[in-house]
Amino acid sequence: MHTQYRVGIIGCGRVAKMHLMGWRALKNVDVVAAADINKEVAENFCKQYNVPKSYTDYKEMITREDLDIISICTWPSSHAEITIEAAKLGVKGILCEKPMCLSLAEADAMIRACEENGVKLAIGHQHRFDPQNVLARELVKEEVIGKPYLIVCRTRDGLLNNGTHYIDLMRYWLGDPKTEWVIGQVERKTDRFERGSPIEDLCMGLICFENGTRGLIEVDLPDDRIPWEPTIYGSNGVMIITQGKVLILNDKEKGWQIIEAPPQKDTEFSEMIDWIEGRREHR
């Protein structure tokens, strides 16, 4: 007999709906409550999506509803506080939206609070579950383009906002290696914000991973003529990762090979349940 998990959502904006649908896809999960500091927003969310109870105080929600798991869907400036307080209140798992937080000190405090209280903490880098990214990881491991030596990724709208997904994906495609060193440059001449936090006007970073592969991330650089698809260069070929498929150029066949990515059954939500129940770690 499966345990039935009680889940609450904190922050009732656009991302909250995605978390709600993700949890509701699982048979042994009940989304029982949602919280937002704006009472009207919380009430409207719960009414629209048939969530039983709304709150303006997330700590009261966790305690009164005896929650097992929470999804943190707020802006990043509040992620650390909510994670730390929720861990102290006894939840089993926390799925926190990216970016994890706004500083290394906050990240360390979040990890420490969850370790001290036996709480499973995962950050919502959902693109690790996209079929093309799962396929790319497998193909890199199989060395279909030889040993990877460079990954190039480009995106818009801030390093912490979209850039963090691509830095995470670089590590995922390579099998999550450690980082040896980083060189970066940022520029901020305007008063630019994203989800309530200041962001750079443009930036780039060069990352060297422990296996020698280097990752180049460019965010908001001005030339839109450069292709946006992530590209992995290897000792024996090139891999381009695009929606639903991976393109390969190597010495095995003439021209580009197009490999369709098979659908994936696992999600960031199902793996949280598996992690709590000890079947596997969350990717």
Protein backbone atom coordinates (compact mmCIF):
# COMPACT_ATOMS: atom_id res chain seq x y z
CA MET A 1 0.00 0.00 0.00
CA HIS A 2 1.43 3.37 -1.03
CA THR A 3 1.84 6.27 1.37
CA GLN A 4 -0.39 9.21 0.46
CA TYR A 5 1.58 12.45 0.53
CA ARG A 6 0.16 15.84 1.46
CA VAL A 7 1.61 18.66 -0.64
CA GLY A 8 1.37 22.43 -0.32
CA ILE A 9 2.38 25.09 -2.80
CA ILE A 10 3.99 28.36 -1.69
CA GLY A 11 3.64 31.23 -4.15
CA CYS A 12 0.59 31.22 -6.44
CA GLY A 13 1.95 32.81 -9.60
CA ARG A 14 2.44 31.33 -13.08
CA VAL A 15 4.95 28.65 -12.06
CA ALA A 16 2.62 27.36 -9.34
CA LYS A 17 0.22 25.94 -11.91
CA MET A 18 3.02 23.83 -13.42
CA HIS A 19 3.85 22.41 -9.99
CA LEU A 20 0.19 21.75 -9.28
CA MET A 21 -0.22 19.78 -12.51
CA GLY A 22 3.01 17.90 -11.87
CA TRP A 23 1.96 16.76 -8.42
CA ARG A 24 -1.58 15.92 -9.52
CA ALA A 25 -0.21 13.55 -12.14
CA LEU A 26 0.85 11.25 -9.29
CA LYS A 27 -1.73 8.95 -7.72
CA ASN A 28 -0.24 8.98 -4.23
CA VAL A 29 -0.14 12.78 -3.86
CA ASP A 30 -2.83 15.21 -2.71
CA VAL A 31 -2.28 18.94 -3.14
CA VAL A 32 -4.18 20.11 -0.06
CA ALA A 33 -3.28 23.80 0.24
CA ALA A 34 -1.56 26.81 -1.30
CA ALA A 35 -0.13 29.99 0.21
CA ASP A 36 0.66 33.47 -1.07
CA ILE A 37 1.35 36.71 0.77
CA ASN A 38 -1.42 38.24 -1.36
CA LYS A 39 -4.65 36.83 0.05
CA GLU A 40 -6.66 37.48 -3.10
CA VAL A 41 -4.08 35.74 -5.29
CA ALA A 42 -4.04 32.70 -3.00
CA GLU A 43 -7.83 32.48 -2.86
CA ASN A 44 -8.22 32.88 -6.63
CA PHE A 45 -5.60 30.21 -7.31
CA CYS A 46 -7.28 27.73 -4.99
CA LYS A 47 -10.71 28.48 -6.41
CA GLN A 48 -9.58 28.22 -10.04
CA TYR A 49 -7.72 24.93 -9.56
CA ASN A 50 -9.87 23.34 -6.86
CA VAL A 51 -7.23 23.39 -4.11
CA PRO A 52 -9.01 22.86 -0.76
CA LYS A 53 -7.39 25.55 1.44
CA SER A 54 -5.62 28.89 0.94
CA TYR A 55 -3.23 30.66 3.32
CA THR A 56 -1.23 33.88 3.51
CA ASP A 57 1.25 32.44 6.05
CA TYR A 58 3.21 29.46 4.67
CA LYS A 59 4.39 28.40 8.15
CA GLU A 60 0.80 28.22 9.35
CA MET A 61 -0.08 26.18 6.25
CA ILE A 62 2.73 23.67 6.83
CA THR A 63 1.76 23.17 10.47
CA ARG A 64 -2.03 23.11 10.17
CA GLU A 65 -2.11 20.93 7.05
CA ASP A 66 0.59 18.52 8.32
CA LEU A 67 2.39 18.75 4.98
CA ASP A 68 4.86 16.14 3.78
CA ILE A 69 6.17 18.09 0.78
CA ILE A 70 6.18 21.70 -0.34
CA SER A 71 6.79 23.34 -3.69
CA ILE A 72 8.42 26.77 -3.39
CA CYS A 73 7.23 28.84 -6.37
CA THR A 74 8.06 32.30 -5.06
CA TRP A 75 10.64 34.75 -6.36
CA PRO A 76 14.25 33.80 -5.52
CA SER A 77 14.79 36.38 -2.79
CA SER A 78 12.54 34.34 -0.46
CA HIS A 79 13.76 30.83 -1.33
CA ALA A 80 16.35 30.57 1.44
CA GLU A 81 14.06 31.76 4.24
CA ILE A 82 11.19 29.50 3.23
CA THR A 83 13.42 26.44 2.77
CA ILE A 84 15.10 26.86 6.15
CA GLU A 85 11.83 27.45 8.02
CA ALA A 86 10.05 24.57 6.26
CA ALA A 87 12.91 22.21 7.11
CA LYS A 88 12.58 23.13 10.77
CA LEU A 89 8.81 22.51 10.62
CA GLY A 90 9.28 18.88 9.64
CA VAL A 91 8.42 18.45 5.96
CA LYS A 92 9.97 15.42 4.24
CA GLY A 93 10.75 17.04 0.89
CA ILE A 94 11.14 20.47 -0.68
CA LEU A 95 11.04 21.17 -4.40
CA CYS A 96 12.31 24.73 -4.80
CA GLU A 97 12.15 26.66 -8.04
CA LYS A 98 15.37 27.92 -9.61
CA PRO A 99 17.45 29.90 -9.09
CA MET A 100 18.16 28.25 -5.77
CA CYS A 101 18.74 31.61 -4.04
CA LEU A 102 20.73 34.83 -4.40
CA SER A 103 24.05 34.01 -2.72
CA LEU A 104 26.37 31.15 -1.88
CA ALA A 105 25.84 31.82 1.83
CA GLU A 106 22.08 31.36 1.40
CA ALA A 107 22.63 28.15 -0.57
CA ASP A 108 24.89 26.75 2.15
CA ALA A 109 22.32 27.63 4.82
CA MET A 110 19.52 25.92 2.86
CA ILE A 111 21.57 22.73 2.44
CA ARG A 112 22.64 22.75 6.07
CA ALA A 113 19.07 23.19 7.38
CA CYS A 114 17.80 20.32 5.24
CA GLU A 115 20.67 18.00 6.19
CA GLU A 116 20.21 18.73 9.90
CA ASN A 117 16.48 17.99 9.69
CA GLY A 118 16.58 15.02 7.30
CA VAL A 119 14.75 16.86 4.51
CA LYS A 120 15.15 16.07 0.82
CA LEU A 121 15.85 19.31 -1.10
CA ALA A 122 15.73 19.46 -4.91
CA ILE A 123 16.00 22.54 -7.11
CA GLY A 124 13.57 22.74 -10.03
CA HIS A 125 15.87 22.38 -13.01
CA GLN A 126 13.16 20.53 -14.90
CA HIS A 127 15.08 20.51 -18.17
CA ARG A 128 17.01 17.51 -16.85
CA PHE A 129 13.83 15.60 -17.64
CA ASP A 130 13.42 16.87 -21.22
CA PRO A 131 13.75 13.94 -23.65
CA GLN A 132 16.46 15.59 -25.76
CA ASN A 133 18.61 16.33 -22.72
CA VAL A 134 18.31 12.79 -21.36
CA LEU A 135 19.27 11.49 -24.82
CA ALA A 136 22.21 13.90 -25.06
CA ARG A 137 23.56 12.72 -21.72
CA GLU A 138 23.37 9.09 -22.88
CA LEU A 139 25.07 9.87 -26.21
CA VAL A 140 27.88 11.79 -24.50
CA LYS A 141 28.41 8.84 -22.16
CA GLU A 142 28.56 6.51 -25.17
CA GLU A 143 31.19 8.81 -26.72
CA VAL A 144 29.37 9.08 -30.07
CA ILE A 145 31.33 12.31 -30.67
CA GLY A 146 34.42 11.13 -28.81
CA LYS A 147 35.58 12.95 -25.70
CA PRO A 148 33.69 16.25 -25.26
CA TYR A 149 35.98 19.24 -24.96
CA LEU A 150 33.65 22.27 -25.31
CA ILE A 151 29.96 23.07 -24.73
CA VAL A 152 28.56 26.38 -25.96
CA CYS A 153 25.21 27.71 -24.67
CA ARG A 154 23.51 31.05 -25.29
CA THR A 155 20.36 32.49 -23.76
CA ARG A 156 18.57 35.69 -22.72
CA ASP A 157 16.96 37.32 -19.69
CA GLY A 158 19.62 36.99 -17.05
CA LEU A 159 22.16 34.52 -15.72
CA LEU A 160 20.15 33.50 -12.65
CA ASN A 161 16.90 33.34 -14.62
CA ASN A 162 17.58 31.41 -17.84
CA GLY A 163 21.35 31.09 -17.65
CA THR A 164 21.20 28.89 -14.58
CA HIS A 165 19.30 26.24 -16.60
CA TYR A 166 22.10 26.02 -19.15
CA ILE A 167 24.87 25.85 -16.56
CA ASP A 168 22.93 23.04 -14.91
CA LEU A 169 22.45 21.28 -18.26
CA MET A 170 26.16 21.45 -19.06
CA ARG A 171 26.82 19.49 -15.89
CA TYR A 172 23.95 17.11 -16.59
CA TRP A 173 25.07 16.29 -20.15
CA LEU A 174 28.59 15.57 -18.85
CA GLY A 175 27.45 13.35 -15.97
CA ASP A 176 27.61 16.02 -13.22
CA PRO A 177 31.38 16.55 -12.94
CA LYS A 178 32.89 18.90 -10.39
CA THR A 179 34.14 22.32 -11.46
CA GLU A 180 37.86 23.11 -11.45
CA TRP A 181 37.74 26.84 -12.19
CA VAL A 182 35.58 29.63 -13.61
CA ILE A 183 36.35 32.88 -15.42
CA GLY A 184 33.49 35.32 -15.85
CA GLN A 185 32.57 38.85 -16.80
CA VAL A 186 29.36 40.76 -16.10
CA GLU A 187 28.18 44.25 -16.99
CA ARG A 188 25.35 46.22 -15.42
CA LYS A 189 24.89 49.82 -16.52
CA THR A 190 21.09 49.93 -16.36
CA ASP A 191 18.64 49.29 -13.52
CA ARG A 192 17.53 45.89 -14.77
CA PHE A 193 15.54 43.45 -12.62
CA GLU A 194 14.15 39.94 -13.04
CA ARG A 195 11.56 38.61 -10.57
CA GLY A 196 12.42 41.28 -8.06
CA SER A 197 16.21 40.79 -8.13
CA PRO A 198 18.84 42.90 -9.90
CA ILE A 199 20.41 41.19 -12.93
CA GLU A 200 23.25 42.03 -15.27
CA ASP A 201 22.80 43.62 -18.68
CA LEU A 202 25.05 41.01 -20.24
CA CYS A 203 27.52 38.38 -19.09
CA MET A 204 29.64 35.44 -20.13
CA GLY A 205 31.43 32.69 -18.28
CA LEU A 206 34.00 30.01 -19.04
CA ILE A 207 33.83 26.91 -16.85
CA CYS A 208 36.46 24.17 -16.69
CA PHE A 209 35.11 20.85 -15.41
CA GLU A 210 37.22 18.20 -13.71
CA ASN A 211 37.30 16.02 -16.83
CA GLY A 212 38.83 18.86 -18.86
CA THR A 213 35.69 19.80 -20.74
CA ARG A 214 35.01 23.51 -20.86
CA GLY A 215 31.62 25.17 -20.89
CA LEU A 216 30.99 28.59 -22.41
CA ILE A 217 27.82 30.40 -21.31
CA GLU A 218 26.72 33.68 -22.93
CA VAL A 219 23.70 35.62 -21.66
CA ASP A 220 22.14 38.63 -23.37
CA LEU A 221 25.10 39.25 -25.66
CA PRO A 222 24.01 41.53 -28.50
CA ASP A 223 24.54 39.46 -31.69
CA ASP A 224 21.38 37.45 -32.48
CA ARG A 225 22.86 36.00 -35.69
CA ILE A 226 24.71 33.32 -33.73
CA PRO A 227 22.73 30.03 -33.41
CA TRP A 228 21.03 29.49 -30.05
CA GLU A 229 20.97 25.67 -29.96
CA PRO A 230 23.37 24.23 -27.35
CA THR A 231 26.32 22.61 -29.07
CA ILE A 232 28.81 20.05 -27.76
CA TYR A 233 32.14 19.71 -29.56
CA GLY A 234 33.98 16.42 -29.17
CA SER A 235 37.23 14.84 -30.31
CA ASN A 236 35.31 12.92 -32.97
CA GLY A 237 32.29 15.05 -33.87
CA VAL A 238 29.69 17.64 -32.97
CA MET A 239 26.33 17.36 -31.19
CA ILE A 240 23.52 19.93 -31.46
CA ILE A 241 20.67 19.65 -28.94
CA THR A 242 17.30 20.93 -30.07
CA GLN A 243 13.63 20.40 -29.20
CA GLY A 244 12.84 16.68 -29.11
CA LYS A 245 15.95 15.55 -30.95
CA VAL A 246 19.74 15.52 -31.09
CA LEU A 247 21.80 16.12 -34.23
CA ILE A 248 25.11 14.28 -34.57
CA LEU A 249 27.99 14.81 -37.00
CA ASN A 250 30.82 12.28 -36.72
CA ASP A 251 32.85 9.83 -38.80
CA LYS A 252 30.29 7.02 -38.59
CA GLU A 253 27.98 8.37 -41.31
CA LYS A 254 28.04 11.01 -44.02
CA GLY A 255 26.19 14.18 -43.06
CA TRP A 256 24.11 14.93 -40.01
CA GLN A 257 22.33 12.13 -38.13
CA ILE A 258 19.00 13.16 -36.58
CA ILE A 259 18.13 11.11 -33.49
CA GLU A 260 14.61 11.49 -32.11
CA ALA A 261 14.45 11.54 -28.32
CA PRO A 262 12.09 8.96 -26.76
CA PRO A 263 9.48 10.27 -24.29
CA GLN A 264 10.31 10.20 -20.60
CA LYS A 265 8.00 8.90 -17.88
CA ASP A 266 9.90 10.34 -14.91
CA THR A 267 9.43 13.92 -13.71
CA GLU A 268 10.94 16.14 -11.05
CA PHE A 269 7.83 15.31 -9.00
CA SER A 270 7.87 11.51 -9.31
CA GLU A 271 11.59 11.41 -8.51
CA MET A 272 10.99 13.40 -5.31
CA ILE A 273 8.62 10.68 -4.12
CA ASP A 274 11.12 7.98 -5.10
CA TRP A 275 13.88 9.84 -3.24
CA ILE A 276 11.79 10.20 -0.09
CA GLU A 277 10.95 6.49 -0.23
CA GLY A 278 14.60 5.52 -0.74
CA ARG A 279 14.37 4.03 -4.24
CA ARG A 280 16.81 6.49 -5.87
CA GLU A 281 18.20 9.97 -5.55
CA HIS A 282 16.63 12.93 -7.32
CA ARG A 283 18.65 13.75 -10.40
